[in-house]
Amino acid sequence: MPLMKLEYLDIRRMPGFSAKGLRFKTEQLSQGINVVFGTNGAGKTTTCKAIRALLWPASQTTAKEPVSLHSVWTTPDASKVEIRLEGTHCKIHPPAYLQLFHKHLPAASFASCYTLTIEDLLTSNDTEFAAEIAKQLRGGYDFNLVRTHPLFVLSKQLGKNEKTKLEKAQIELRSRKEQEKFHKREEDTLNSLTSEIQEAQLSKERIPFLKDALKLNALEELLSSLSQKLAEFPAGMAKILANDQETVTQWNEQKTHLLQRLHRLESKINESQQALHPYALAKQTLLSPPELKVLARSLKCLKDLQEQGKEAFLALETAQKILHKHASFIHCDMDQLENWDLASASRLQKIAHDYQQLKIKKELLQTKFQLLSSKVPTYSTESLRQGMALLNQWNGLMDQAPARRQFLAGLLCVSVSCSLAIATHYFSLAWEVLSPFILISSLAAFLWLWKNPYLRKQHLQNSYQRLDLPQPLAWTPADIDGLLEFLANEWSQGVRYHEDTGLRQELLYLQQTAEAHEQKILEDLAEFPFPFDEEASGSYPILFEQIKNVLLAKIAVEQSATAYKALETEIQHLFTDICLQLAPLSTATPLNLLNVHQIFETLCEETHQIRQHQQLITQAQSEIELTTKELATATHYLEALFTRCECFGAEREVQLADRLRLLEEFQSVKKTQLATQMEAHLLKKKCEASPALTGLSSPQLHHLLATDLANAEKLESLLEQKTALKHKLQLAQTAFNLEKAEMHLIESQLGFDKTCEEFHFAVLGQFFLDLIEKEYQKESEPEVYTLANQWFLKFTHAKYAFLPPMQKGTDFEFMALDILANETKSLGELSRGTQTQLILAVRLAFNLFLEKEKMILPLFLDEALNSCDPERFHEITKALFEIATTGRQIFYFTCRDSDVERWQWMATQFPNTPFASIDLSPLSQTHFSPVAFKTDVLRQPAPGQSLIEYAADFKIPSIQPLLGAGPVSIYYLVETAVEFYYLQALKIETYGQLKHLMETHQIQESLKNLIDWAKIQCKGALLEHFFELWTIGRGKEIHAEVLVRGGVSEKYIDPILEIARQLEYNPAQLLEALTSKEDERLKGFRQAALTKLKTTFLEEGYLDPRSPVAPQDFQINLLKTASPFIQEKLFSFEDTLIFIEKLHAAAKS
């Protein structure tokens, strides 16, 4: 089909735009993407309407207003087609294309597929497009005929009569049964009791009291015998405990252990005291640790000063050796240098250096003066100048050719003049004609005679010979040139000699000044003791350097001696202080500088040993005190125990052991006595109700009991006879009525069961019809539906999918699948942005579908992406650029500069696609401010980086079981960071998106072998089955819509949703909170509304009355689901268990 592109458009007049006019020139338009931007009212929507009017003139609804349009279109063969519209008259040139337009131009109903304005997006519900897609999905078959068959029609009155009959029968049966129960109760109450029955009843009532009285007598006899038995035990048995023997043993062992410890501590003290005897310092006051530290620091300082003294002494010796060495080098006595210092040596060195420099300067001046005086000129400069001038004139006369030509010319002129004079005389010619020639010839002859060259040469030779200059051998040009060069050299030397006169005078003055300075320096050198020799002046620098070294060495010796003396003094003072600090300690060896360190170390060691022994003694003494206290405590507790047990004397432990052997028997008797006393007390309380039985003896009580038992037996036989008679009477009266009600109930139940079978058949029929239709749609999916689904998935990053349209009445409506929530939504339930993206996807699908049979036209979009977020805007522009790469021309109209920036940025990603931006308001006061468009760059995982480390940069949402498997992050399904990266790069974030793309086999073709699809399929199956099991007994997550359906008023929706959010949207917990009404926000919430809400939860599956699946059953069911994958070795058993535990942990968190 021909591909048409807009090359030129002139909008002269349009409704609401007649005064302005708008023109798109050829140089402005691009063959690919054209982004037209301008302020509101600039003509963007008008342009779309103009294109629709040009291509489909019949679609104009405002024909009365003026319309004047002109456009030029190009075809692939570079032909141009002009389309003009004036009012309602449309003209196409050349006329040959008129038939082509009528045949291949898409129908006017598809005009919005090519010129999509914001009005189409806001007002259109696309019922026609939805009907067309539904028709293609059905393949032309009409399933409504089958659905309307009587077998598959579910009538509202179906089963209503049968159900009413059944309910009436049930009510009648219940009433008959109630009547029967009533008669039974009435018969029991109306029976009169005879006197015999009354006596029997009294006897029956007295039987328990007789038994209690007999039992009480027996218990009193038992208590008497137990008291006698307890009196036989030793006194104090009640105070003895079962563990007293063990307690006595423990305290005795503790006393033995404490006595042994006392003995060990006393031995330890004796050993430490004996160890202190050898130390003489043990009897003296020891230095404290701070005093020892101070003394140690003093000794360290003493040692450092001694080391410094040694170093100072060595430095002194070294300095003296250096001094003698330098003094011997210069062969001078130290007395000569006694009054010398470094300043004197430096001054002498400077004077000697100045003398040498002056001597060199003087020699240079003499040399220069001799050179200047030796160049005296031989000839005077004036003679040389005159000679060169004469020789140059001679060279000028050496060329004889001009003189000869001048002579010949003059001779020729004279000859001609004479000839002409003779001719004039003989031929009578006019004199005026000949006079110029005669004048010229006469002048030439005069000039030659006036300046004769030969005479001038002779004059020049004579003038040169008079000068006192060298003469040429022959007056030839070569001799003259050589002589000129010689004279020029001589002249330049003479000039230079005269110029150097001032310099010679200056040099002479400087030479005299240097001689006077030299004389002064010699006078200064005479003051020093060393004789100055001019011949040996070259060695003076070395001499002066050695003198300096001698003086420096002398200073170093003096400084070293001073430092050594100062150190000796400081050492002596410090040693005196140390002796004063050690004075309290008497030592056998006298102190000196050599042994003070050794003595201090010995004192430190002895002090350390003494302190250790003293600390041991102190510690042992404190332990003895504690042990003594513990021993006294143990003795006290033992005495208290024996006192409590009343065991005294030396044999008290034996007494305690004997009593402990009898303790178990005593406790048993005592326990029996207490139990018997309690039982007897209770029986006395009961017997107080019949005081007549209290004073009777046991034989009398036995006689009364036998009589009452006989009477009670007789009463039961009489009552049984009476009851049997009542039953017979009652059954005889109501049996027929009850049997009739049961038969009626059975008949009603059969009729209702038959109606239920018809209802189930119709439901199954509808179900199978829907299933057949879905399977057919899946197998014969039309191209338009496939394209629309692909574009919609791409625009929404696989968060929404396009579903087959649903019929509502006579119209069809678009449907979409919310993949994250796994919910089906109509077009009106989607957000405005998602609605526009769905409509745009359908338009593009029809556009691409129609281009196979119809003309390919440009696509015009007017503010079509205004409601898109930046992420979806990016995907849609990318898709449009991909379409433009096939050759399609696209126009996008916008008033937002940020949209222009995004289009320009996308153009850089498709450099081969032509792109142009057209500003409709170049004269407007509003200017667009560029906004930087940024795209998030997904970071690739580093080599060897684990999935957990890589996913730390992302916000992974937690698993919410009530939301189902769709919103679960793909993080829980992949195993490597690379797999996670590739899916994130495709904007696939949840399992719902991934599952939908895997079912259409799109994602597998994109990533191929980069991801282990078998493992993801296995994990997905486990994930879905896990949530199916999880919802059992837990229901579904509640939301505002189900609350509205449950009859909750607008006033309570927000408070109930807030409470539900706090309860993690659990329906059961929410109903408990509503029932308790403890929250103030629920004040006024009625019980009827709560009942209706609970019924809605039960009917729609939000509240599941079943019990939750046990954890072990969870694992068993999930392992059954994974068994096919495990058998095929696509997923290991260990990995399955790990994944199940991971799901459990994530769901619980």
Foldseek 3Di string as FASTA:
>chain_A
DKAKDWQWKKWCDDVVCNPPIDIDHRVFADLFEEEEAEAPPLQQLVVLVLVLCQLPVVPDPPLVDWGWMWTWMATPVRDIWIWIDTRSDIDIPPPVCVVVSVFFPDDSVLSCLFRPAVCCLPPPQPLVLLVVQLCLLLVNDDCVVVCPPPLQDDDPCQLVVLVVLLVVLVVLLVVLVVVLVVLLVVLVVPDDDDPLLVLLVVLVVCLVLLVLLLVLVVLVVVLVVLVVVLVVADPLLVLDDLCLLVLLVVLVVLLVVLVVLLVVLVVLLVVLVVVCVVDPCLVPDADDPVLLVVLVVLVVVLVVLVVVLVVLVVLLVVLVVLLVVLCVVLVDDVVLCVPPAPVVLVVLVVLLVVLVVLVVVLVVLVVVLVVLVVLAFPDALVLLVVLLVLLVVLVVLPPCVVLVVLVVVLVVLCVVLVVVVVCCVVVVDDPVVSVVSNVVSVVSVVVCVVDPSVVVNVVSVVVNVVRPADDFPDSDPVSSVVSSVVSVVSSVSNVVSVVCPVVSVVSVVVSVVSVVVSVVSQVVNVVRPDDDDPVPSVCVVVSSVSVNSSNVSVVSSVVSVVSSVVSVVVSVVSVVVSCVSCVSPDDPDDDDPVCPVVVSVVSVVSVVSSVVSVVSSVVSVVVSVVSVVVSVVSVVVSVVSLVSSVQDDPCSSVVSVVSSVCSVVSVVSVVVSVVSVVSSVVSVVVSVVPVVSNPDDSVVSVVSSVVSVVSNVVSVVVVVVSSVVSVVVSCVPSVVSSVVSVVSSVVSVVVSVVSVVSVVSSVVVVVVSVVVSVVSSVVSPDQLQVQLQVQLCQLVLLQKGWDNWDDDPPTTWTWMARLQLRDIDTLVVDDSQSNLSSVSSSSNSVLVVSVVRHHNAAHEYECSNVPPDPVSLLRVLLVSSVVSVVSHHYYYYYHALASVQSNVVVCVVVVVGDYRYHYSCPPDPDDHDHDHDDDDDQDQDDVPDFLVRSCVVDDQDFDALQSAQRNHFCSLQAGGSQVVSVCVVSVNTGVSSVVVCVVVPNVCVVCPPSGLVLSSVLLSLLRRVLSVLQCAQFWHADALVLLVVLVNDPLCSVVLVVVCVVVVRGVVVSLVCLVVVPDPSNPPPDPVSSVSSVVSCVVVRRGHNGDHDDPVVSLVVSCVSCVVCCVVVVAPPVRSVVSSVVSVVSNVD
